[in-house]
Amino acid sequence: TSTFISEKTWKPIMMRHPFVVAGRPGTLQLMRSIGYKTFHPYIVENYDCTVDDNTRMLMLWEEIHRLINLSDEEWLLLQKKIAPIIDYNYEHFLKFDKRLYLDDSIANYF
């Protein structure tokens, strides 16, 4: 099976938002291989290498639950720590040839 990076991942990058990926195992690894940075150690990403879909989604949910339960102070501190990653990914997105990872019907929207 192949790994596909959908618009649900590209949109937060374009909008300068942090993200987690509810996708195929290895999606974050693929993103790193094409030059993007992910949010480890600030966001737990070990779900990405979990092959079992149910286990991967439970791990992802646990991390989302942890993030949404951060206090305001913890969230502000996290935002400061991940800001360089967000900025880097945005700049990389602007320069990166996305046609390599999009079919022709979607590529025109970027």
PDB file of N, CA and C in Angstrom:
ATOM      1  N   THR A   1       0.829  -1.193   0.000  1.00  0.00           N
ATOM      2  CA  THR A   1       0.000   0.000   0.000  1.00  0.00           C
ATOM      3  C   THR A   1       0.868   1.250   0.000  1.00  0.00           C
ATOM      4  N   SER A   2       0.341   2.283  -0.583  1.00  0.00           N
ATOM      5  CA  SER A   2       1.092   3.527  -0.679  1.00  0.00           C
ATOM      6  C   SER A   2       0.628   4.501   0.392  1.00  0.00           C
ATOM      7  N   THR A   3       1.439   5.500   0.613  1.00  0.00           N
ATOM      8  CA  THR A   3       1.106   6.546   1.560  1.00  0.00           C
ATOM      9  C   THR A   3       0.777   7.802   0.779  1.00  0.00           C
ATOM     10  N   PHE A   4      -0.351   8.409   1.118  1.00  0.00           N
ATOM     11  CA  PHE A   4      -0.838   9.593   0.427  1.00  0.00           C
ATOM     12  C   PHE A   4      -0.953  10.727   1.433  1.00  0.00           C
ATOM     13  N   ILE A   5      -0.371  11.855   1.110  1.00  0.00           N
ATOM     14  CA  ILE A   5      -0.489  13.036   1.970  1.00  0.00           C
ATOM     15  C   ILE A   5      -1.627  13.873   1.414  1.00  0.00           C
ATOM     16  N   SER A   6      -2.712  13.973   2.166  1.00  0.00           N
ATOM     17  CA  SER A   6      -3.909  14.647   1.662  1.00  0.00           C
ATOM     18  C   SER A   6      -3.888  16.137   1.992  1.00  0.00           C
ATOM     19  N   GLU A   7      -4.895  16.822   1.483  1.00  0.00           N
ATOM     20  CA  GLU A   7      -5.059  18.252   1.760  1.00  0.00           C
ATOM     21  C   GLU A   7      -5.254  18.517   3.250  1.00  0.00           C
ATOM     22  N   LYS A   8      -5.675  17.500   3.989  1.00  0.00           N
ATOM     23  CA  LYS A   8      -5.879  17.679   5.433  1.00  0.00           C
ATOM     24  C   LYS A   8      -4.548  17.872   6.163  1.00  0.00           C
ATOM     25  N   THR A   9      -3.463  17.506   5.533  1.00  0.00           N
ATOM     26  CA  THR A   9      -2.130  17.779   6.078  1.00  0.00           C
ATOM     27  C   THR A   9      -1.561  19.060   5.492  1.00  0.00           C
ATOM     28  N   TRP A  10      -1.759  19.285   4.202  1.00  0.00           N
ATOM     29  CA  TRP A  10      -1.211  20.494   3.572  1.00  0.00           C
ATOM     30  C   TRP A  10      -1.870  21.761   4.109  1.00  0.00           C
ATOM     31  N   LYS A  11      -3.175  21.706   4.389  1.00  0.00           N
ATOM     32  CA  LYS A  11      -3.875  22.920   4.839  1.00  0.00           C
ATOM     33  C   LYS A  11      -3.310  23.494   6.137  1.00  0.00           C
ATOM     34  N   PRO A  12      -3.085  22.701   7.193  1.00  0.00           N
ATOM     35  CA  PRO A  12      -2.501  23.321   8.392  1.00  0.00           C
ATOM     36  C   PRO A  12      -1.099  23.873   8.140  1.00  0.00           C
ATOM     37  N   ILE A  13      -0.352  23.250   7.252  1.00  0.00           N
ATOM     38  CA  ILE A  13       0.970  23.794   6.928  1.00  0.00           C
ATOM     39  C   ILE A  13       0.804  25.160   6.279  1.00  0.00           C
ATOM     40  N   MET A  14      -0.122  25.265   5.323  1.00  0.00           N
ATOM     41  CA  MET A  14      -0.354  26.543   4.637  1.00  0.00           C
ATOM     42  C   MET A  14      -0.893  27.609   5.596  1.00  0.00           C
ATOM     43  N   MET A  15      -1.651  27.183   6.591  1.00  0.00           N
ATOM     44  CA  MET A  15      -2.255  28.128   7.540  1.00  0.00           C
ATOM     45  C   MET A  15      -1.379  28.347   8.782  1.00  0.00           C
ATOM     46  N   ARG A  16      -0.196  27.736   8.772  1.00  0.00           N
ATOM     47  CA  ARG A  16       0.759  27.856   9.885  1.00  0.00           C
ATOM     48  C   ARG A  16       0.169  27.351  11.202  1.00  0.00           C
ATOM     49  N   HIS A  17      -0.350  26.141  11.139  1.00  0.00           N
ATOM     50  CA  HIS A  17      -0.910  25.485  12.315  1.00  0.00           C
ATOM     51  C   HIS A  17      -0.137  24.195  12.588  1.00  0.00           C
ATOM     52  N   PRO A  18      -0.080  23.783  13.840  1.00  0.00           N
ATOM     53  CA  PRO A  18       0.487  22.458  14.120  1.00  0.00           C
ATOM     54  C   PRO A  18      -0.487  21.393  13.640  1.00  0.00           C
ATOM     55  N   PHE A  19      -0.002  20.154  13.500  1.00  0.00           N
ATOM     56  CA  PHE A  19      -0.859  19.085  13.014  1.00  0.00           C
ATOM     57  C   PHE A  19      -0.410  17.743  13.556  1.00  0.00           C
ATOM     58  N   VAL A  20      -1.341  16.828  13.591  1.00  0.00           N
ATOM     59  CA  VAL A  20      -1.071  15.403  13.741  1.00  0.00           C
ATOM     60  C   VAL A  20      -1.711  14.759  12.512  1.00  0.00           C
ATOM     61  N   VAL A  21      -1.246  13.586  12.150  1.00  0.00           N
ATOM     62  CA  VAL A  21      -1.724  12.952  10.926  1.00  0.00           C
ATOM     63  C   VAL A  21      -2.434  11.648  11.263  1.00  0.00           C
ATOM     64  N   ALA A  22      -3.715  11.584  10.957  1.00  0.00           N
ATOM     65  CA  ALA A  22      -4.480  10.338  11.079  1.00  0.00           C
ATOM     66  C   ALA A  22      -4.463   9.685   9.708  1.00  0.00           C
ATOM     67  N   GLY A  23      -3.347   9.075   9.385  1.00  0.00           N
ATOM     68  CA  GLY A  23      -3.179   8.484   8.063  1.00  0.00           C
ATOM     69  C   GLY A  23      -2.510   7.134   8.139  1.00  0.00           C
ATOM     70  N   ARG A  24      -1.978   6.714   7.022  1.00  0.00           N
ATOM     71  CA  ARG A  24      -1.276   5.442   6.937  1.00  0.00           C
ATOM     72  C   ARG A  24      -0.021   5.471   7.805  1.00  0.00           C
ATOM     73  N   PRO A  25       0.403   4.308   8.295  1.00  0.00           N
ATOM     74  CA  PRO A  25       1.676   4.262   9.020  1.00  0.00           C
ATOM     75  C   PRO A  25       2.791   4.772   8.119  1.00  0.00           C
ATOM     76  N   GLY A  26       3.677   5.578   8.676  1.00  0.00           N
ATOM     77  CA  GLY A  26       4.810   6.099   7.917  1.00  0.00           C
ATOM     78  C   GLY A  26       4.563   7.421   7.234  1.00  0.00           C
ATOM     79  N   THR A  27       3.394   8.027   7.432  1.00  0.00           N
ATOM     80  CA  THR A  27       3.109   9.304   6.780  1.00  0.00           C
ATOM     81  C   THR A  27       4.059  10.391   7.275  1.00  0.00           C
ATOM     82  N   LEU A  28       4.278  10.460   8.587  1.00  0.00           N
ATOM     83  CA  LEU A  28       5.215  11.469   9.109  1.00  0.00           C
ATOM     84  C   LEU A  28       6.632  11.183   8.629  1.00  0.00           C
ATOM     85  N   GLN A  29       6.979   9.914   8.553  1.00  0.00           N
ATOM     86  CA  GLN A  29       8.302   9.552   8.036  1.00  0.00           C
ATOM     87  C   GLN A  29       8.453  10.020   6.592  1.00  0.00           C
ATOM     88  N   LEU A  30       7.412   9.841   5.776  1.00  0.00           N
ATOM     89  CA  LEU A  30       7.442  10.320   4.391  1.00  0.00           C
ATOM     90  C   LEU A  30       7.602  11.832   4.358  1.00  0.00           C
ATOM     91  N   MET A  31       6.877  12.534   5.208  1.00  0.00           N
ATOM     92  CA  MET A  31       6.988  13.998   5.233  1.00  0.00           C
ATOM     93  C   MET A  31       8.408  14.431   5.572  1.00  0.00           C
ATOM     94  N   ARG A  32       9.011  13.768   6.547  1.00  0.00           N
ATOM     95  CA  ARG A  32      10.402  14.104   6.893  1.00  0.00           C
ATOM     96  C   ARG A  32      11.337  13.812   5.719  1.00  0.00           C
ATOM     97  N   SER A  33      11.064  12.724   4.978  1.00  0.00           N
ATOM     98  CA  SER A  33      11.944  12.356   3.862  1.00  0.00           C
ATOM     99  C   SER A  33      11.873  13.363   2.714  1.00  0.00           C
ATOM    100  N   ILE A  34      10.795  14.137   2.624  1.00  0.00           N
ATOM    101  CA  ILE A  34      10.690  15.149   1.575  1.00  0.00           C
ATOM    102  C   ILE A  34      10.955  16.552   2.120  1.00  0.00           C
ATOM    103  N   GLY A  35      11.554  16.594   3.315  1.00  0.00           N
ATOM    104  CA  GLY A  35      12.073  17.854   3.808  1.00  0.00           C
ATOM    105  C   GLY A  35      11.271  18.574   4.861  1.00  0.00           C
ATOM    106  N   TYR A  36      10.130  18.042   5.261  1.00  0.00           N
ATOM    107  CA  TYR A  36       9.335  18.701   6.296  1.00  0.00           C
ATOM    108  C   TYR A  36       9.816  18.293   7.666  1.00  0.00           C
ATOM    109  N   LYS A  37       9.540  19.124   8.650  1.00  0.00           N
ATOM    110  CA  LYS A  37       9.838  18.812  10.041  1.00  0.00           C
ATOM    111  C   LYS A  37       8.535  18.459  10.732  1.00  0.00           C
ATOM    112  N   THR A  38       8.624  17.524  11.663  1.00  0.00           N
ATOM    113  CA  THR A  38       7.448  17.186  12.456  1.00  0.00           C
ATOM    114  C   THR A  38       7.680  17.700  13.870  1.00  0.00           C
ATOM    115  N   PHE A  39       6.784  17.440  14.769  1.00  0.00           N
ATOM    116  CA  PHE A  39       6.766  18.149  16.044  1.00  0.00           C
ATOM    117  C   PHE A  39       7.327  17.366  17.232  1.00  0.00           C
ATOM    118  N   HIS A  40       7.968  16.239  16.982  1.00  0.00           N
ATOM    119  CA  HIS A  40       8.647  15.520  18.062  1.00  0.00           C
ATOM    120  C   HIS A  40       9.794  16.383  18.568  1.00  0.00           C
ATOM    121  N   PRO A  41       9.998  16.551  19.828  1.00  0.00           N
ATOM    122  CA  PRO A  41       9.436  15.856  20.983  1.00  0.00           C
ATOM    123  C   PRO A  41       8.224  16.553  21.608  1.00  0.00           C
ATOM    124  N   TYR A  42       7.742  17.606  20.998  1.00  0.00           N
ATOM    125  CA  TYR A  42       6.656  18.389  21.596  1.00  0.00           C
ATOM    126  C   TYR A  42       5.302  17.705  21.429  1.00  0.00           C
ATOM    127  N   ILE A  43       5.159  16.967  20.347  1.00  0.00           N
ATOM    128  CA  ILE A  43       3.979  16.152  20.108  1.00  0.00           C
ATOM    129  C   ILE A  43       4.465  14.714  19.964  1.00  0.00           C
ATOM    130  N   VAL A  44       3.868  13.806  20.708  1.00  0.00           N
ATOM    131  CA  VAL A  44       4.265  12.399  20.657  1.00  0.00           C
ATOM    132  C   VAL A  44       3.816  11.823  19.315  1.00  0.00           C
ATOM    133  N   GLU A  45       4.780  11.304  18.552  1.00  0.00           N
ATOM    134  CA  GLU A  45       4.498  10.857  17.187  1.00  0.00           C
ATOM    135  C   GLU A  45       4.731   9.365  16.980  1.00  0.00           C
ATOM    136  N   ASN A  46       4.861   8.606  18.063  1.00  0.00           N
ATOM    137  CA  ASN A  46       5.139   7.175  17.897  1.00  0.00           C
ATOM    138  C   ASN A  46       3.981   6.413  17.259  1.00  0.00           C
ATOM    139  N   TYR A  47       2.809   7.021  17.178  1.00  0.00           N
ATOM    140  CA  TYR A  47       1.676   6.398  16.488  1.00  0.00           C
ATOM    141  C   TYR A  47       1.993   6.166  15.009  1.00  0.00           C
ATOM    142  N   ASP A  48       2.877   6.984  14.448  1.00  0.00           N
ATOM    143  CA  ASP A  48       3.145   6.940  13.014  1.00  0.00           C
ATOM    144  C   ASP A  48       3.747   5.610  12.568  1.00  0.00           C
ATOM    145  N   CYS A  49       4.451   4.915  13.437  1.00  0.00           N
ATOM    146  CA  CYS A  49       5.064   3.643  13.031  1.00  0.00           C
ATOM    147  C   CYS A  49       4.271   2.436  13.513  1.00  0.00           C
ATOM    148  N   THR A  50       3.059   2.666  13.996  1.00  0.00           N
ATOM    149  CA  THR A  50       2.207   1.573  14.456  1.00  0.00           C
ATOM    150  C   THR A  50       1.350   1.089  13.284  1.00  0.00           C
ATOM    151  N   VAL A  51       1.484  -0.181  12.941  1.00  0.00           N
ATOM    152  CA  VAL A  51       0.828  -0.728  11.762  1.00  0.00           C
ATOM    153  C   VAL A  51      -0.655  -1.007  12.010  1.00  0.00           C
ATOM    154  N   ASP A  52      -0.999  -1.495  13.178  1.00  0.00           N
ATOM    155  CA  ASP A  52      -2.396  -1.820  13.466  1.00  0.00           C
ATOM    156  C   ASP A  52      -3.233  -0.542  13.514  1.00  0.00           C
ATOM    157  N   ASP A  53      -4.256  -0.472  12.657  1.00  0.00           N
ATOM    158  CA  ASP A  53      -5.065   0.743  12.541  1.00  0.00           C
ATOM    159  C   ASP A  53      -5.736   1.132  13.852  1.00  0.00           C
ATOM    160  N   ASN A  54      -6.330   0.167  14.545  1.00  0.00           N
ATOM    161  CA  ASN A  54      -7.023   0.481  15.800  1.00  0.00           C
ATOM    162  C   ASN A  54      -6.060   1.013  16.849  1.00  0.00           C
ATOM    163  N   THR A  55      -4.920   0.361  16.985  1.00  0.00           N
ATOM    164  CA  THR A  55      -3.920   0.809  17.960  1.00  0.00           C
ATOM    165  C   THR A  55      -3.402   2.193  17.595  1.00  0.00           C
ATOM    166  N   ARG A  56      -3.131   2.406  16.287  1.00  0.00           N
ATOM    167  CA  ARG A  56      -2.619   3.711  15.841  1.00  0.00           C
ATOM    168  C   ARG A  56      -3.624   4.821  16.151  1.00  0.00           C
ATOM    169  N   MET A  57      -4.898   4.573  15.888  1.00  0.00           N
ATOM    170  CA  MET A  57      -5.909   5.603  16.152  1.00  0.00           C
ATOM    171  C   MET A  57      -6.080   5.850  17.646  1.00  0.00           C
ATOM    172  N   LEU A  58      -5.978   4.808  18.469  1.00  0.00           N
ATOM    173  CA  LEU A  58      -6.038   5.003  19.928  1.00  0.00           C
ATOM    174  C   LEU A  58      -4.853   5.824  20.416  1.00  0.00           C
ATOM    175  N   MET A  59      -3.668   5.541  19.891  1.00  0.00           N
ATOM    176  CA  MET A  59      -2.476   6.306  20.275  1.00  0.00           C
ATOM    177  C   MET A  59      -2.624   7.759  19.842  1.00  0.00           C
ATOM    178  N   LEU A  60      -3.148   7.961  18.648  1.00  0.00           N
ATOM    179  CA  LEU A  60      -3.360   9.315  18.144  1.00  0.00           C
ATOM    180  C   LEU A  60      -4.377  10.047  19.020  1.00  0.00           C
ATOM    181  N   TRP A  61      -5.457   9.379  19.359  1.00  0.00           N
ATOM    182  CA  TRP A  61      -6.470   9.995  20.213  1.00  0.00           C
ATOM    183  C   TRP A  61      -5.897  10.363  21.582  1.00  0.00           C
ATOM    184  N   GLU A  62      -5.068   9.501  22.149  1.00  0.00           N
ATOM    185  CA  GLU A  62      -4.451   9.802  23.444  1.00  0.00           C
ATOM    186  C   GLU A  62      -3.606  11.067  23.355  1.00  0.00           C
ATOM    187  N   GLU A  63      -2.882  11.228  22.264  1.00  0.00           N
ATOM    188  CA  GLU A  63      -2.053  12.428  22.112  1.00  0.00           C
ATOM    189  C   GLU A  63      -2.919  13.664  21.893  1.00  0.00           C
ATOM    190  N   ILE A  64      -3.957  13.551  21.094  1.00  0.00           N
ATOM    191  CA  ILE A  64      -4.870  14.684  20.909  1.00  0.00           C
ATOM    192  C   ILE A  64      -5.513  15.057  22.236  1.00  0.00           C
ATOM    193  N   HIS A  65      -5.921  14.063  22.990  1.00  0.00           N
ATOM    194  CA  HIS A  65      -6.537  14.304  24.298  1.00  0.00           C
ATOM    195  C   HIS A  65      -5.554  15.031  25.217  1.00  0.00           C
ATOM    196  N   ARG A  66      -4.295  14.608  25.201  1.00  0.00           N
ATOM    197  CA  ARG A  66      -3.276  15.284  26.017  1.00  0.00           C
ATOM    198  C   ARG A  66      -3.145  16.741  25.598  1.00  0.00           C
ATOM    199  N   LEU A  67      -3.113  16.981  24.303  1.00  0.00           N
ATOM    200  CA  LEU A  67      -2.932  18.345  23.805  1.00  0.00           C
ATOM    201  C   LEU A  67      -4.117  19.247  24.141  1.00  0.00           C
ATOM    202  N   ILE A  68      -5.329  18.739  23.997  1.00  0.00           N
ATOM    203  CA  ILE A  68      -6.491  19.600  24.266  1.00  0.00           C
ATOM    204  C   ILE A  68      -6.687  19.845  25.753  1.00  0.00           C
ATOM    205  N   ASN A  69      -6.014  19.064  26.577  1.00  0.00           N
ATOM    206  CA  ASN A  69      -6.125  19.264  28.019  1.00  0.00           C
ATOM    207  C   ASN A  69      -4.967  20.066  28.606  1.00  0.00           C
ATOM    208  N   LEU A  70      -4.110  20.616  27.761  1.00  0.00           N
ATOM    209  CA  LEU A  70      -3.049  21.485  28.259  1.00  0.00           C
ATOM    210  C   LEU A  70      -3.679  22.744  28.844  1.00  0.00           C
ATOM    211  N   SER A  71      -3.067  23.264  29.867  1.00  0.00           N
ATOM    212  CA  SER A  71      -3.527  24.542  30.414  1.00  0.00           C
ATOM    213  C   SER A  71      -3.187  25.649  29.414  1.00  0.00           C
ATOM    214  N   ASP A  72      -3.769  26.814  29.612  1.00  0.00           N
ATOM    215  CA  ASP A  72      -3.453  27.951  28.732  1.00  0.00           C
ATOM    216  C   ASP A  72      -1.967  28.249  28.733  1.00  0.00           C
ATOM    217  N   GLU A  73      -1.358  28.198  29.899  1.00  0.00           N
ATOM    218  CA  GLU A  73       0.079  28.479  30.004  1.00  0.00           C
ATOM    219  C   GLU A  73       0.904  27.428  29.272  1.00  0.00           C
ATOM    220  N   GLU A  74       0.523  26.158  29.435  1.00  0.00           N
ATOM    221  CA  GLU A  74       1.234  25.077  28.744  1.00  0.00           C
ATOM    222  C   GLU A  74       1.071  25.198  27.232  1.00  0.00           C
ATOM    223  N   TRP A  75      -0.127  25.563  26.783  1.00  0.00           N
ATOM    224  CA  TRP A  75      -0.376  25.706  25.341  1.00  0.00           C
ATOM    225  C   TRP A  75       0.450  26.852  24.762  1.00  0.00           C
ATOM    226  N   LEU A  76       0.525  27.976  25.481  1.00  0.00           N
ATOM    227  CA  LEU A  76       1.324  29.107  25.002  1.00  0.00           C
ATOM    228  C   LEU A  76       2.805  28.742  24.924  1.00  0.00           C
ATOM    229  N   LEU A  77       3.296  28.008  25.906  1.00  0.00           N
ATOM    230  CA  LEU A  77       4.686  27.568  25.897  1.00  0.00           C
ATOM    231  C   LEU A  77       4.935  26.605  24.736  1.00  0.00           C
ATOM    232  N   LEU A  78       4.000  25.688  24.512  1.00  0.00           N
ATOM    233  CA  LEU A  78       4.134  24.761  23.387  1.00  0.00           C
ATOM    234  C   LEU A  78       4.161  25.515  22.064  1.00  0.00           C
ATOM    235  N   GLN A  79       3.297  26.509  21.919  1.00  0.00           N
ATOM    236  CA  GLN A  79       3.277  27.298  20.685  1.00  0.00           C
ATOM    237  C   GLN A  79       4.623  27.976  20.430  1.00  0.00           C
ATOM    238  N   LYS A  80       5.237  28.493  21.475  1.00  0.00           N
ATOM    239  CA  LYS A  80       6.551  29.129  21.312  1.00  0.00           C
ATOM    240  C   LYS A  80       7.603  28.118  20.865  1.00  0.00           C
ATOM    241  N   LYS A  81       7.537  26.922  21.436  1.00  0.00           N
ATOM    242  CA  LYS A  81       8.528  25.899  21.108  1.00  0.00           C
ATOM    243  C   LYS A  81       8.380  25.388  19.683  1.00  0.00           C
ATOM    244  N   ILE A  82       7.145  25.283  19.187  1.00  0.00           N
ATOM    245  CA  ILE A  82       6.942  24.717  17.850  1.00  0.00           C
ATOM    246  C   ILE A  82       6.897  25.775  16.744  1.00  0.00           C
ATOM    247  N   ALA A  83       6.923  27.041  17.114  1.00  0.00           N
ATOM    248  CA  ALA A  83       6.860  28.116  16.113  1.00  0.00           C
ATOM    249  C   ALA A  83       7.941  27.989  15.036  1.00  0.00           C
ATOM    250  N   PRO A  84       9.200  27.672  15.389  1.00  0.00           N
ATOM    251  CA  PRO A  84      10.209  27.532  14.327  1.00  0.00           C
ATOM    252  C   PRO A  84       9.894  26.393  13.347  1.00  0.00           C
ATOM    253  N   ILE A  85       9.291  25.317  13.847  1.00  0.00           N
ATOM    254  CA  ILE A  85       8.921  24.197  12.972  1.00  0.00           C
ATOM    255  C   ILE A  85       7.805  24.630  12.032  1.00  0.00           C
ATOM    256  N   ILE A  86       6.822  25.326  12.564  1.00  0.00           N
ATOM    257  CA  ILE A  86       5.705  25.800  11.759  1.00  0.00           C
ATOM    258  C   ILE A  86       6.196  26.746  10.666  1.00  0.00           C
ATOM    259  N   ASP A  87       7.063  27.678  11.029  1.00  0.00           N
ATOM    260  CA  ASP A  87       7.605  28.620  10.050  1.00  0.00           C
ATOM    261  C   ASP A  87       8.431  27.899   8.982  1.00  0.00           C
ATOM    262  N   TYR A  88       9.262  26.952   9.417  1.00  0.00           N
ATOM    263  CA  TYR A  88      10.073  26.188   8.470  1.00  0.00           C
ATOM    264  C   TYR A  88       9.184  25.446   7.473  1.00  0.00           C
ATOM    265  N   ASN A  89       8.161  24.740   7.984  1.00  0.00           N
ATOM    266  CA  ASN A  89       7.278  23.965   7.107  1.00  0.00           C
ATOM    267  C   ASN A  89       6.537  24.862   6.116  1.00  0.00           C
ATOM    268  N   TYR A  90       6.114  26.022   6.565  1.00  0.00           N
ATOM    269  CA  TYR A  90       5.427  26.961   5.682  1.00  0.00           C
ATOM    270  C   TYR A  90       6.352  27.394   4.539  1.00  0.00           C
ATOM    271  N   GLU A  91       7.572  27.781   4.887  1.00  0.00           N
ATOM    272  CA  GLU A  91       8.538  28.207   3.869  1.00  0.00           C
ATOM    273  C   GLU A  91       8.882  27.048   2.931  1.00  0.00           C
ATOM    274  N   HIS A  92       9.031  25.860   3.494  1.00  0.00           N
ATOM    275  CA  HIS A  92       9.331  24.689   2.666  1.00  0.00           C
ATOM    276  C   HIS A  92       8.170  24.392   1.724  1.00  0.00           C
ATOM    277  N   PHE A  93       6.957  24.534   2.212  1.00  0.00           N
ATOM    278  CA  PHE A  93       5.775  24.308   1.381  1.00  0.00           C
ATOM    279  C   PHE A  93       5.752  25.263   0.188  1.00  0.00           C
ATOM    280  N   LEU A  94       6.097  26.511   0.425  1.00  0.00           N
ATOM    281  CA  LEU A  94       6.082  27.490  -0.658  1.00  0.00           C
ATOM    282  C   LEU A  94       7.091  27.148  -1.752  1.00  0.00           C
ATOM    283  N   LYS A  95       8.207  26.529  -1.378  1.00  0.00           N
ATOM    284  CA  LYS A  95       9.273  26.217  -2.328  1.00  0.00           C
ATOM    285  C   LYS A  95       9.165  24.823  -2.932  1.00  0.00           C
ATOM    286  N   PHE A  96       8.497  23.919  -2.230  1.00  0.00           N
ATOM    287  CA  PHE A  96       8.497  22.505  -2.594  1.00  0.00           C
ATOM    288  C   PHE A  96       7.596  22.243  -3.795  1.00  0.00           C
ATOM    289  N   ASP A  97       8.032  21.386  -4.701  1.00  0.00           N
ATOM    290  CA  ASP A  97       7.239  21.025  -5.877  1.00  0.00           C
ATOM    291  C   ASP A  97       6.205  19.975  -5.478  1.00  0.00           C
ATOM    292  N   LYS A  98       5.013  20.437  -5.137  1.00  0.00           N
ATOM    293  CA  LYS A  98       3.962  19.563  -4.643  1.00  0.00           C
ATOM    294  C   LYS A  98       3.388  18.657  -5.725  1.00  0.00           C
ATOM    295  N   ARG A  99       3.644  18.953  -6.987  1.00  0.00           N
ATOM    296  CA  ARG A  99       3.113  18.118  -8.064  1.00  0.00           C
ATOM    297  C   ARG A  99       3.611  16.686  -7.968  1.00  0.00           C
ATOM    298  N   LEU A 100       4.733  16.489  -7.292  1.00  0.00           N
ATOM    299  CA  LEU A 100       5.251  15.133  -7.130  1.00  0.00           C
ATOM    300  C   LEU A 100       4.335  14.294  -6.242  1.00  0.00           C
ATOM    301  N   TYR A 101       3.510  14.934  -5.418  1.00  0.00           N
ATOM    302  CA  TYR A 101       2.705  14.214  -4.439  1.00  0.00           C
ATOM    303  C   TYR A 101       1.213  14.466  -4.584  1.00  0.00           C
ATOM    304  N   LEU A 102       0.805  15.116  -5.656  1.00  0.00           N
ATOM    305  CA  LEU A 102      -0.602  15.377  -5.904  1.00  0.00           C
ATOM    306  C   LEU A 102      -0.962  14.907  -7.296  1.00  0.00           C
ATOM    307  N   ASP A 103      -2.188  14.420  -7.469  1.00  0.00           N
ATOM    308  CA  ASP A 103      -2.583  14.119  -8.833  1.00  0.00           C
ATOM    309  C   ASP A 103      -2.966  15.423  -9.528  1.00  0.00           C
ATOM    310  N   ASP A 104      -3.057  15.388 -10.840  1.00  0.00           N
ATOM    311  CA  ASP A 104      -3.276  16.624 -11.625  1.00  0.00           C
ATOM    312  C   ASP A 104      -4.547  17.369 -11.266  1.00  0.00           C
ATOM    313  N   SER A 105      -5.593  16.669 -10.835  1.00  0.00           N
ATOM    314  CA  SER A 105      -6.846  17.338 -10.526  1.00  0.00           C
ATOM    315  C   SER A 105      -6.738  18.210  -9.272  1.00  0.00           C
ATOM    316  N   ILE A 106      -5.821  17.876  -8.356  1.00  0.00           N
ATOM    317  CA  ILE A 106      -5.674  18.641  -7.125  1.00  0.00           C
ATOM    318  C   ILE A 106      -4.547  19.670  -7.236  1.00  0.00           C
ATOM    319  N   ALA A 107      -3.521  19.359  -8.006  1.00  0.00           N
ATOM    320  CA  ALA A 107      -2.322  20.207  -8.063  1.00  0.00           C
ATOM    321  C   ALA A 107      -2.625  21.649  -8.434  1.00  0.00           C
ATOM    322  N   ASN A 108      -3.634  21.879  -9.239  1.00  0.00           N
ATOM    323  CA  ASN A 108      -3.954  23.238  -9.672  1.00  0.00           C
ATOM    324  C   ASN A 108      -4.432  24.133  -8.539  1.00  0.00           C
ATOM    325  N   TYR A 109      -4.905  23.574  -7.436  1.00  0.00           N
ATOM    326  CA  TYR A 109      -5.389  24.371  -6.319  1.00  0.00           C
ATOM    327  C   TYR A 109      -4.252  24.925  -5.465  1.00  0.00           C
ATOM    328  N   PHE A 110      -3.041  24.418  -5.641  1.00  0.00           N
ATOM    329  CA  PHE A 110      -1.908  24.887  -4.867  1.00  0.00           C
ATOM    330  C   PHE A 110      -1.095  25.796  -5.735  1.00  0.00           C
TER     331      PHE A 110
END
